[in-house]
Amino acid sequence: MKSLFYQNIQNNKYRGYISEYQLLKEIKAHNVLLERVQLYHEFIVNLTTYLYSTYLGSDYITSQTDIEGHFNWAFNKVVSEFQEEGIDFSKNTYIKEYFEAYFKVELYTRNSPEELDRILKDWNQIFTLRPEKAQKEFEMLLELYERFDTTFGNKKISK
């Protein structure tokens, strides 16, 4: 089964919005901590920025080994920065596998990858909690939150 993220990339439509009241109700029901939403968003922004700003293009990154090396370098760099702050994402295979698959589609296999600004805007849309949030954006936020939250021993996800 494809993740919500991939489903939304394919149809690129965010239909249906949830009210501010419903958003607050869902946040409480799913035990979402706003500080963690910000933390996870920061992780994704840093990872995305490192990957895009150091990607030399398909002329230079030509093999699966090159792709894995570039991704692992960026991922480990972000993990290391968070470890300095006392947060260890290094053993969270859920986020590593998720983002490795995501960036293989978004960055490494596209003939012309999306611009960094557009990708960051999409992440900001997903991680900004605001009134009248798109239902699909909120579902994607919950999916990513759950994956990240396993770092802290919370929630288990089934593969």
N, C-alpha and C. Protein backbone atom coordinates (compact mmCIF):
# COMPACT_ATOMS: atom_id res chain seq x y z
N MET A 1 0.84 -1.18 0.00
CA MET A 1 0.00 0.00 0.00
C MET A 1 0.88 1.24 0.00
N LYS A 2 0.57 2.19 -0.85
CA LYS A 2 1.34 3.42 -0.92
C LYS A 2 0.97 4.32 0.24
N SER A 3 1.93 5.11 0.69
CA SER A 3 1.68 6.03 1.79
C SER A 3 0.75 7.15 1.32
N LEU A 4 0.17 7.83 2.29
CA LEU A 4 -0.67 8.98 1.97
C LEU A 4 0.11 10.03 1.19
N PHE A 5 1.38 10.17 1.53
CA PHE A 5 2.20 11.16 0.84
C PHE A 5 2.25 10.88 -0.66
N TYR A 6 2.52 9.62 -1.01
CA TYR A 6 2.60 9.27 -2.43
C TYR A 6 1.24 9.39 -3.11
N GLN A 7 0.17 9.04 -2.43
CA GLN A 7 -1.16 9.18 -3.01
C GLN A 7 -1.44 10.64 -3.34
N ASN A 8 -1.04 11.53 -2.45
CA ASN A 8 -1.28 12.95 -2.68
C ASN A 8 -0.34 13.54 -3.72
N ILE A 9 0.87 13.00 -3.82
CA ILE A 9 1.77 13.45 -4.89
C ILE A 9 1.16 13.10 -6.24
N GLN A 10 0.61 11.89 -6.34
CA GLN A 10 0.08 11.44 -7.62
C GLN A 10 -1.12 12.25 -8.07
N ASN A 11 -2.10 12.48 -7.19
CA ASN A 11 -3.27 13.22 -7.65
C ASN A 11 -3.16 14.71 -7.36
N ASN A 12 -2.19 15.11 -6.54
CA ASN A 12 -1.86 16.50 -6.28
C ASN A 12 -3.09 17.36 -5.98
N LYS A 13 -4.06 16.80 -5.31
CA LYS A 13 -5.26 17.55 -4.97
C LYS A 13 -5.52 17.41 -3.48
N TYR A 14 -5.80 18.51 -2.86
CA TYR A 14 -6.15 18.52 -1.45
C TYR A 14 -7.61 18.94 -1.35
N ARG A 15 -8.49 17.98 -1.41
CA ARG A 15 -9.91 18.28 -1.32
C ARG A 15 -10.36 18.11 0.12
N GLY A 16 -11.23 18.98 0.54
CA GLY A 16 -11.81 18.88 1.85
C GLY A 16 -10.94 19.51 2.91
N TYR A 17 -11.55 20.32 3.71
CA TYR A 17 -10.84 21.01 4.78
C TYR A 17 -11.48 20.65 6.11
N ILE A 18 -10.67 20.72 7.15
CA ILE A 18 -11.22 20.50 8.48
C ILE A 18 -11.25 21.84 9.21
N SER A 19 -12.26 22.03 10.00
CA SER A 19 -12.43 23.29 10.73
C SER A 19 -11.38 23.39 11.84
N GLU A 20 -11.24 24.58 12.37
CA GLU A 20 -10.31 24.78 13.47
C GLU A 20 -10.70 23.92 14.66
N TYR A 21 -11.99 23.83 14.94
CA TYR A 21 -12.47 23.00 16.05
C TYR A 21 -12.11 21.54 15.82
N GLN A 22 -12.37 21.05 14.61
CA GLN A 22 -12.05 19.65 14.29
C GLN A 22 -10.55 19.40 14.34
N LEU A 23 -9.77 20.37 13.89
CA LEU A 23 -8.31 20.25 13.93
C LEU A 23 -7.84 20.10 15.38
N LEU A 24 -8.33 20.95 16.26
CA LEU A 24 -7.94 20.86 17.67
C LEU A 24 -8.39 19.55 18.29
N LYS A 25 -9.56 19.10 17.91
CA LYS A 25 -10.09 17.82 18.40
C LYS A 25 -9.20 16.66 17.94
N GLU A 26 -8.80 16.68 16.68
CA GLU A 26 -7.94 15.63 16.13
C GLU A 26 -6.55 15.65 16.76
N ILE A 27 -6.01 16.84 16.98
CA ILE A 27 -4.71 16.97 17.61
C ILE A 27 -4.74 16.32 18.99
N LYS A 28 -5.79 16.61 19.73
CA LYS A 28 -5.92 16.03 21.07
C LYS A 28 -6.13 14.52 20.99
N ALA A 29 -6.97 14.06 20.07
CA ALA A 29 -7.27 12.64 19.95
C ALA A 29 -6.04 11.82 19.58
N HIS A 30 -5.12 12.41 18.82
CA HIS A 30 -3.93 11.70 18.38
C HIS A 30 -2.71 12.02 19.25
N ASN A 31 -2.93 12.73 20.34
CA ASN A 31 -1.84 13.10 21.27
C ASN A 31 -0.68 13.79 20.56
N VAL A 32 -1.00 14.70 19.66
CA VAL A 32 0.01 15.44 18.92
C VAL A 32 0.52 16.59 19.78
N LEU A 33 1.82 16.63 19.97
CA LEU A 33 2.46 17.71 20.71
C LEU A 33 3.01 18.73 19.72
N LEU A 34 2.62 19.98 19.88
CA LEU A 34 3.01 21.01 18.93
C LEU A 34 4.53 21.19 18.86
N GLU A 35 5.20 20.99 19.99
CA GLU A 35 6.67 21.11 19.99
C GLU A 35 7.29 20.04 19.10
N ARG A 36 6.71 18.86 19.10
CA ARG A 36 7.24 17.79 18.25
C ARG A 36 6.92 18.05 16.78
N VAL A 37 5.77 18.62 16.50
CA VAL A 37 5.45 18.98 15.12
C VAL A 37 6.53 19.92 14.59
N GLN A 38 6.91 20.91 15.39
CA GLN A 38 7.96 21.85 14.99
C GLN A 38 9.31 21.15 14.84
N LEU A 39 9.60 20.24 15.76
CA LEU A 39 10.86 19.50 15.72
C LEU A 39 10.95 18.65 14.45
N TYR A 40 9.90 17.92 14.15
CA TYR A 40 9.90 17.04 12.99
C TYR A 40 9.95 17.85 11.70
N HIS A 41 9.28 18.99 11.70
CA HIS A 41 9.32 19.88 10.54
C HIS A 41 10.74 20.38 10.31
N GLU A 42 11.40 20.76 11.39
CA GLU A 42 12.79 21.23 11.28
C GLU A 42 13.70 20.14 10.71
N PHE A 43 13.52 18.91 11.15
CA PHE A 43 14.30 17.79 10.64
C PHE A 43 14.11 17.68 9.12
N ILE A 44 12.86 17.71 8.68
CA ILE A 44 12.56 17.54 7.25
C ILE A 44 13.12 18.71 6.44
N VAL A 45 12.97 19.91 6.92
CA VAL A 45 13.49 21.08 6.21
C VAL A 45 15.00 20.98 6.08
N ASN A 46 15.69 20.60 7.16
CA ASN A 46 17.15 20.47 7.10
C ASN A 46 17.57 19.39 6.12
N LEU A 47 16.91 18.24 6.18
CA LEU A 47 17.23 17.14 5.27
C LEU A 47 17.00 17.56 3.82
N THR A 48 15.87 18.15 3.56
CA THR A 48 15.53 18.59 2.19
C THR A 48 16.54 19.60 1.69
N THR A 49 16.89 20.55 2.53
CA THR A 49 17.83 21.60 2.14
C THR A 49 19.21 21.01 1.83
N TYR A 50 19.70 20.13 2.69
CA TYR A 50 21.01 19.51 2.43
C TYR A 50 20.99 18.70 1.14
N LEU A 51 19.94 17.93 0.93
CA LEU A 51 19.88 17.11 -0.28
C LEU A 51 19.86 17.96 -1.54
N TYR A 52 19.02 18.97 -1.56
CA TYR A 52 18.88 19.78 -2.77
C TYR A 52 20.08 20.69 -3.00
N SER A 53 20.63 21.23 -1.93
CA SER A 53 21.74 22.17 -2.11
C SER A 53 23.05 21.47 -2.48
N THR A 54 23.14 20.17 -2.26
CA THR A 54 24.38 19.45 -2.58
C THR A 54 24.21 18.47 -3.74
N TYR A 55 23.01 18.40 -4.29
CA TYR A 55 22.76 17.48 -5.40
C TYR A 55 23.38 18.06 -6.68
N LEU A 56 24.28 17.31 -7.28
CA LEU A 56 24.99 17.79 -8.47
C LEU A 56 24.29 17.43 -9.77
N GLY A 57 23.24 16.68 -9.68
CA GLY A 57 22.49 16.30 -10.87
C GLY A 57 22.80 14.89 -11.33
N SER A 58 21.98 14.43 -12.26
CA SER A 58 22.11 13.05 -12.73
C SER A 58 23.36 12.83 -13.58
N ASP A 59 24.02 13.90 -13.98
CA ASP A 59 25.29 13.74 -14.70
C ASP A 59 26.40 13.24 -13.78
N TYR A 60 26.28 13.57 -12.48
CA TYR A 60 27.31 13.20 -11.52
C TYR A 60 26.88 12.09 -10.58
N ILE A 61 25.62 12.09 -10.21
CA ILE A 61 25.10 11.04 -9.34
C ILE A 61 24.38 10.07 -10.27
N THR A 62 25.10 9.05 -10.69
CA THR A 62 24.61 8.21 -11.78
C THR A 62 24.18 6.81 -11.38
N SER A 63 24.65 6.34 -10.24
CA SER A 63 24.33 4.95 -9.88
C SER A 63 23.53 4.90 -8.58
N GLN A 64 22.99 3.73 -8.32
CA GLN A 64 22.27 3.51 -7.07
C GLN A 64 23.20 3.75 -5.87
N THR A 65 24.44 3.36 -6.01
CA THR A 65 25.42 3.57 -4.95
C THR A 65 25.64 5.06 -4.70
N ASP A 66 25.72 5.85 -5.78
CA ASP A 66 25.86 7.31 -5.64
C ASP A 66 24.66 7.91 -4.92
N ILE A 67 23.47 7.47 -5.32
CA ILE A 67 22.23 7.98 -4.72
C ILE A 67 22.20 7.65 -3.23
N GLU A 68 22.46 6.38 -2.91
CA GLU A 68 22.44 5.98 -1.50
C GLU A 68 23.50 6.72 -0.70
N GLY A 69 24.67 6.93 -1.29
CA GLY A 69 25.73 7.66 -0.60
C GLY A 69 25.35 9.10 -0.32
N HIS A 70 24.77 9.76 -1.32
CA HIS A 70 24.35 11.15 -1.14
C HIS A 70 23.24 11.26 -0.10
N PHE A 71 22.24 10.39 -0.21
CA PHE A 71 21.14 10.43 0.75
C PHE A 71 21.65 10.14 2.16
N ASN A 72 22.45 9.08 2.31
CA ASN A 72 22.96 8.72 3.64
C ASN A 72 23.81 9.82 4.25
N TRP A 73 24.61 10.48 3.43
CA TRP A 73 25.41 11.59 3.93
C TRP A 73 24.51 12.69 4.50
N ALA A 74 23.49 13.10 3.74
CA ALA A 74 22.60 14.17 4.19
C ALA A 74 21.79 13.74 5.42
N PHE A 75 21.26 12.52 5.38
CA PHE A 75 20.46 12.03 6.50
C PHE A 75 21.31 11.97 7.77
N ASN A 76 22.50 11.41 7.66
CA ASN A 76 23.39 11.29 8.82
C ASN A 76 23.84 12.66 9.35
N LYS A 77 24.00 13.61 8.45
CA LYS A 77 24.36 14.97 8.87
C LYS A 77 23.25 15.58 9.72
N VAL A 78 22.01 15.43 9.29
CA VAL A 78 20.88 15.97 10.06
C VAL A 78 20.76 15.22 11.39
N VAL A 79 20.86 13.90 11.35
CA VAL A 79 20.79 13.11 12.58
C VAL A 79 21.87 13.57 13.56
N SER A 80 23.07 13.80 13.08
CA SER A 80 24.17 14.24 13.92
C SER A 80 23.88 15.59 14.57
N GLU A 81 23.31 16.50 13.81
CA GLU A 81 22.97 17.82 14.35
C GLU A 81 21.94 17.70 15.47
N PHE A 82 20.97 16.82 15.30
CA PHE A 82 19.96 16.63 16.34
C PHE A 82 20.54 15.90 17.55
N GLN A 83 21.50 15.00 17.32
CA GLN A 83 22.16 14.32 18.44
C GLN A 83 22.89 15.33 19.32
N GLU A 84 23.45 16.36 18.71
CA GLU A 84 24.12 17.41 19.48
C GLU A 84 23.15 18.10 20.42
N GLU A 85 21.88 18.08 20.08
CA GLU A 85 20.83 18.69 20.91
C GLU A 85 20.17 17.66 21.83
N GLY A 86 20.67 16.43 21.81
CA GLY A 86 20.16 15.40 22.71
C GLY A 86 18.99 14.60 22.15
N ILE A 87 18.75 14.69 20.84
CA ILE A 87 17.66 13.95 20.21
C ILE A 87 18.26 13.00 19.20
N ASP A 88 18.02 11.70 19.38
CA ASP A 88 18.67 10.69 18.55
C ASP A 88 17.67 10.00 17.61
N PHE A 89 17.71 10.41 16.35
CA PHE A 89 16.87 9.79 15.33
C PHE A 89 17.60 8.66 14.60
N SER A 90 18.82 8.34 15.01
CA SER A 90 19.66 7.42 14.25
C SER A 90 19.08 6.00 14.14
N LYS A 91 18.31 5.59 15.11
CA LYS A 91 17.76 4.23 15.08
C LYS A 91 16.33 4.18 14.52
N ASN A 92 15.83 5.32 14.08
CA ASN A 92 14.46 5.37 13.56
C ASN A 92 14.47 4.99 12.07
N THR A 93 14.33 3.70 11.81
CA THR A 93 14.36 3.23 10.43
C THR A 93 13.11 3.65 9.66
N TYR A 94 12.02 3.92 10.36
CA TYR A 94 10.78 4.34 9.69
C TYR A 94 10.98 5.63 8.92
N ILE A 95 11.64 6.61 9.55
CA ILE A 95 11.82 7.88 8.84
C ILE A 95 12.90 7.77 7.76
N LYS A 96 13.93 7.01 8.04
CA LYS A 96 14.99 6.88 7.03
C LYS A 96 14.44 6.20 5.77
N GLU A 97 13.73 5.11 5.93
CA GLU A 97 13.16 4.40 4.78
C GLU A 97 12.14 5.27 4.04
N TYR A 98 11.33 5.97 4.81
CA TYR A 98 10.30 6.83 4.21
C TYR A 98 10.92 7.90 3.33
N PHE A 99 11.88 8.63 3.90
CA PHE A 99 12.48 9.74 3.15
C PHE A 99 13.41 9.27 2.04
N GLU A 100 14.03 8.12 2.23
CA GLU A 100 14.83 7.57 1.14
C GLU A 100 13.94 7.27 -0.06
N ALA A 101 12.81 6.66 0.18
CA ALA A 101 11.87 6.36 -0.91
C ALA A 101 11.30 7.65 -1.50
N TYR A 102 10.96 8.60 -0.65
CA TYR A 102 10.39 9.87 -1.11
C TYR A 102 11.38 10.61 -2.01
N PHE A 103 12.62 10.74 -1.57
CA PHE A 103 13.58 11.51 -2.36
C PHE A 103 14.06 10.76 -3.60
N LYS A 104 13.96 9.45 -3.61
CA LYS A 104 14.26 8.73 -4.85
C LYS A 104 13.28 9.14 -5.93
N VAL A 105 12.05 9.39 -5.55
CA VAL A 105 11.03 9.85 -6.51
C VAL A 105 11.19 11.34 -6.79
N GLU A 106 11.25 12.14 -5.74
CA GLU A 106 11.22 13.60 -5.89
C GLU A 106 12.52 14.20 -6.42
N LEU A 107 13.63 13.61 -6.08
CA LEU A 107 14.91 14.22 -6.43
C LEU A 107 15.71 13.40 -7.43
N TYR A 108 15.90 12.13 -7.14
CA TYR A 108 16.88 11.35 -7.90
C TYR A 108 16.36 10.78 -9.21
N THR A 109 15.08 10.49 -9.34
CA THR A 109 14.61 9.84 -10.57
C THR A 109 13.85 10.76 -11.50
N ARG A 110 13.59 11.97 -11.11
CA ARG A 110 12.91 12.92 -12.01
C ARG A 110 13.92 13.49 -12.99
N ASN A 111 13.45 13.71 -14.19
CA ASN A 111 14.33 14.34 -15.18
C ASN A 111 14.70 15.76 -14.76
N SER A 112 13.75 16.44 -14.18
CA SER A 112 14.03 17.78 -13.64
C SER A 112 13.37 17.88 -12.27
N PRO A 113 14.15 17.67 -11.22
CA PRO A 113 13.59 17.72 -9.87
C PRO A 113 12.91 19.05 -9.58
N GLU A 114 11.91 19.00 -8.73
CA GLU A 114 11.23 20.23 -8.32
C GLU A 114 12.23 21.16 -7.65
N GLU A 115 11.94 22.43 -7.70
CA GLU A 115 12.79 23.42 -7.05
C GLU A 115 12.70 23.30 -5.54
N LEU A 116 13.78 23.59 -4.87
CA LEU A 116 13.85 23.52 -3.42
C LEU A 116 12.75 24.36 -2.78
N ASP A 117 12.53 25.58 -3.27
CA ASP A 117 11.52 26.45 -2.68
C ASP A 117 10.13 25.83 -2.73
N ARG A 118 9.80 25.14 -3.82
CA ARG A 118 8.49 24.52 -3.93
C ARG A 118 8.36 23.35 -2.96
N ILE A 119 9.41 22.56 -2.85
CA ILE A 119 9.39 21.42 -1.93
C ILE A 119 9.24 21.91 -0.49
N LEU A 120 10.00 22.95 -0.12
CA LEU A 120 9.90 23.49 1.23
C LEU A 120 8.52 24.09 1.49
N LYS A 121 7.95 24.70 0.48
CA LYS A 121 6.58 25.25 0.63
C LYS A 121 5.60 24.12 0.91
N ASP A 122 5.75 23.00 0.22
CA ASP A 122 4.87 21.85 0.47
C ASP A 122 5.01 21.35 1.90
N TRP A 123 6.26 21.21 2.38
CA TRP A 123 6.46 20.77 3.75
C TRP A 123 5.86 21.76 4.74
N ASN A 124 6.01 23.06 4.46
CA ASN A 124 5.43 24.07 5.34
C ASN A 124 3.91 23.95 5.38
N GLN A 125 3.30 23.69 4.23
CA GLN A 125 1.84 23.50 4.18
C GLN A 125 1.42 22.35 5.07
N ILE A 126 2.15 21.27 5.00
CA ILE A 126 1.79 20.06 5.76
C ILE A 126 1.97 20.31 7.26
N PHE A 127 3.03 20.98 7.66
CA PHE A 127 3.36 21.11 9.08
C PHE A 127 2.82 22.37 9.73
N THR A 128 2.15 23.23 9.00
CA THR A 128 1.54 24.41 9.60
C THR A 128 0.13 24.05 10.05
N LEU A 129 -0.10 24.20 11.34
CA LEU A 129 -1.42 23.93 11.89
C LEU A 129 -2.19 25.25 11.88
N ARG A 130 -3.22 25.30 11.06
CA ARG A 130 -3.98 26.52 10.89
C ARG A 130 -5.47 26.19 10.72
N PRO A 131 -6.32 27.16 10.97
CA PRO A 131 -7.75 26.92 10.73
C PRO A 131 -8.01 26.56 9.27
N GLU A 132 -8.99 25.72 9.05
CA GLU A 132 -9.36 25.30 7.69
C GLU A 132 -8.21 24.61 6.97
N LYS A 133 -7.52 23.73 7.67
CA LYS A 133 -6.42 22.96 7.08
C LYS A 133 -7.00 21.89 6.16
N ALA A 134 -6.32 21.64 5.06
CA ALA A 134 -6.75 20.58 4.15
C ALA A 134 -6.68 19.24 4.86
N GLN A 135 -7.72 18.44 4.71
CA GLN A 135 -7.81 17.14 5.36
C GLN A 135 -6.62 16.25 4.97
N LYS A 136 -6.27 16.22 3.70
CA LYS A 136 -5.16 15.36 3.24
C LYS A 136 -3.83 15.82 3.84
N GLU A 137 -3.64 17.13 3.95
CA GLU A 137 -2.41 17.63 4.58
C GLU A 137 -2.33 17.17 6.03
N PHE A 138 -3.46 17.22 6.72
CA PHE A 138 -3.48 16.79 8.11
C PHE A 138 -3.21 15.29 8.23
N GLU A 139 -3.76 14.51 7.32
CA GLU A 139 -3.51 13.06 7.33
C GLU A 139 -2.03 12.77 7.09
N MET A 140 -1.42 13.53 6.19
CA MET A 140 0.01 13.35 5.93
C MET A 140 0.83 13.74 7.15
N LEU A 141 0.43 14.83 7.81
CA LEU A 141 1.11 15.25 9.03
C LEU A 141 1.04 14.14 10.08
N LEU A 142 -0.13 13.55 10.25
CA LEU A 142 -0.28 12.49 11.25
C LEU A 142 0.57 11.27 10.90
N GLU A 143 0.63 10.93 9.62
CA GLU A 143 1.45 9.79 9.20
C GLU A 143 2.92 10.04 9.52
N LEU A 144 3.41 11.21 9.18
CA LEU A 144 4.81 11.53 9.44
C LEU A 144 5.08 11.67 10.94
N TYR A 145 4.15 12.27 11.65
CA TYR A 145 4.29 12.42 13.11
C TYR A 145 4.44 11.05 13.76
N GLU A 146 3.62 10.11 13.34
CA GLU A 146 3.68 8.76 13.90
C GLU A 146 5.03 8.11 13.61
N ARG A 147 5.54 8.27 12.42
CA ARG A 147 6.84 7.69 12.07
C ARG A 147 7.95 8.31 12.92
N PHE A 148 7.95 9.63 13.03
CA PHE A 148 8.97 10.30 13.84
C PHE A 148 8.83 9.94 15.31
N ASP A 149 7.60 9.84 15.78
CA ASP A 149 7.36 9.66 17.20
C ASP A 149 7.86 8.33 17.73
N THR A 150 8.10 7.36 16.86
CA THR A 150 8.65 6.09 17.33
C THR A 150 10.04 6.28 17.94
N THR A 151 10.70 7.39 17.59
CA THR A 151 12.00 7.72 18.18
C THR A 151 11.89 7.80 19.70
N PHE A 152 10.76 8.28 20.18
CA PHE A 152 10.57 8.49 21.61
C PHE A 152 9.83 7.32 22.27
N GLY A 153 9.73 6.21 21.55
CA GLY A 153 9.09 5.03 22.11
C GLY A 153 7.58 5.08 22.09
N ASN A 154 7.02 6.03 21.35
CA ASN A 154 5.59 6.18 21.26
C ASN A 154 5.08 5.52 19.99
N LYS A 155 3.90 5.01 20.03
CA LYS A 155 3.20 4.47 18.87
C LYS A 155 4.07 3.52 18.06
N LYS A 156 3.52 2.48 17.68
CA LYS A 156 4.18 1.53 16.78
C LYS A 156 3.41 1.55 15.47
N ILE A 157 4.12 1.49 14.38
CA ILE A 157 3.45 1.45 13.09
C ILE A 157 3.65 0.09 12.46
N SER A 158 2.64 -0.35 11.75
CA SER A 158 2.74 -1.65 11.08
C SER A 158 3.22 -1.41 9.67
N LYS A 159 4.09 -2.29 9.24
CA LYS A 159 4.64 -2.15 7.88
C LYS A 159 3.79 -2.88 6.90
